[in-house]
Amino acid sequence: MMLCELAYHAIRAKILRDMIALGAPLSRRKLAVEFGMSLLPVAEAFQVLERDGLVESRPRVGTRVCLPTAEEVRDR
């Protein structure tokens, strides 16, 4: 398994297990240190997580865990 896949699965699990709160900011640097890898695999994982709708990235603001909308909560 590639490092970006490992980072993706680890971050996804932390979000789904509520180890990272909804709306919480995410630091590529801190996660890279935690997982013992460079920033690139974590950045690639963030891109996939964003496509999956689990995180959102905004210029000059950073990346955070998405907050579900009221409609998304009702649908689930």
Protein backbone atom coordinates (compact mmCIF):
# COMPACT_ATOMS: atom_id res chain seq x y z
CA MET A 1 0.00 0.00 0.00
CA MET A 2 1.27 3.45 -0.87
CA LEU A 3 1.95 6.05 1.84
CA CYS A 4 -0.86 8.32 0.61
CA GLU A 5 -3.30 5.40 0.98
CA LEU A 6 -2.07 4.72 4.51
CA ALA A 7 -2.47 8.41 5.39
CA TYR A 8 -5.95 8.46 3.81
CA HIS A 9 -7.18 5.44 5.76
CA ALA A 10 -5.65 6.68 9.04
CA ILE A 11 -7.15 10.18 8.77
CA ARG A 12 -10.51 8.81 7.59
CA ALA A 13 -10.63 6.41 10.55
CA LYS A 14 -9.83 9.25 12.99
CA ILE A 15 -12.68 11.34 11.53
CA LEU A 16 -15.22 8.49 11.48
CA ARG A 17 -14.29 7.39 15.02
CA ASP A 18 -14.69 10.98 16.23
CA MET A 19 -11.03 11.16 17.22
CA ILE A 20 -10.95 14.37 15.17
CA ALA A 21 -14.00 16.54 15.83
CA LEU A 22 -16.32 17.86 13.14
CA GLY A 23 -15.13 21.29 12.06
CA ALA A 24 -11.67 20.74 13.55
CA PRO A 25 -8.70 22.15 11.62
CA LEU A 26 -6.26 19.63 10.19
CA SER A 27 -2.50 20.18 10.01
CA ARG A 28 -0.63 18.38 7.26
CA ARG A 29 2.60 18.89 9.18
CA LYS A 30 1.29 17.45 12.48
CA LEU A 31 -0.30 14.45 10.77
CA ALA A 32 2.87 13.80 8.76
CA VAL A 33 4.91 13.77 11.98
CA GLU A 34 2.32 11.56 13.71
CA PHE A 35 2.37 9.05 10.85
CA GLY A 36 6.14 9.26 10.33
CA MET A 37 5.96 10.38 6.70
CA SER A 38 6.57 13.45 4.58
CA LEU A 39 3.99 16.12 3.79
CA LEU A 40 3.32 14.89 0.24
CA PRO A 41 1.42 11.67 1.10
CA VAL A 42 -0.68 13.57 3.66
CA ALA A 43 -1.44 16.31 1.12
CA GLU A 44 -2.48 13.64 -1.42
CA ALA A 45 -4.68 12.00 1.23
CA PHE A 46 -6.32 15.39 1.92
CA GLN A 47 -7.22 15.68 -1.78
CA VAL A 48 -8.98 12.30 -1.74
CA LEU A 49 -10.70 13.07 1.58
CA GLU A 50 -11.93 16.33 0.06
CA ARG A 51 -13.33 14.47 -2.96
CA ASP A 52 -15.06 12.10 -0.52
CA GLY A 53 -16.64 15.08 1.24
CA LEU A 54 -14.95 14.46 4.60
CA VAL A 55 -12.72 17.54 4.63
CA GLU A 56 -12.76 20.94 3.00
CA SER A 57 -9.82 23.13 2.04
CA ARG A 58 -9.96 26.87 1.60
CA PRO A 59 -7.18 29.15 0.42
CA ARG A 60 -5.52 31.11 3.27
CA VAL A 61 -7.76 29.32 5.79
CA GLY A 62 -6.57 25.71 5.64
CA THR A 63 -8.21 22.33 5.80
CA ARG A 64 -10.83 21.22 8.28
CA VAL A 65 -13.21 18.34 8.85
CA CYS A 66 -16.54 19.07 7.16
CA LEU A 67 -19.59 19.88 9.21
CA PRO A 68 -22.63 18.09 7.82
CA THR A 69 -25.53 20.24 6.71
CA ALA A 70 -28.97 19.78 8.25
CA GLU A 71 -30.05 18.06 5.02
CA GLU A 72 -27.15 15.59 5.20
CA VAL A 73 -28.01 14.77 8.80
CA ARG A 74 -31.66 14.12 7.84
CA ASP A 75 -30.59 11.92 4.91
CA ARG A 76 -28.50 9.73 7.20
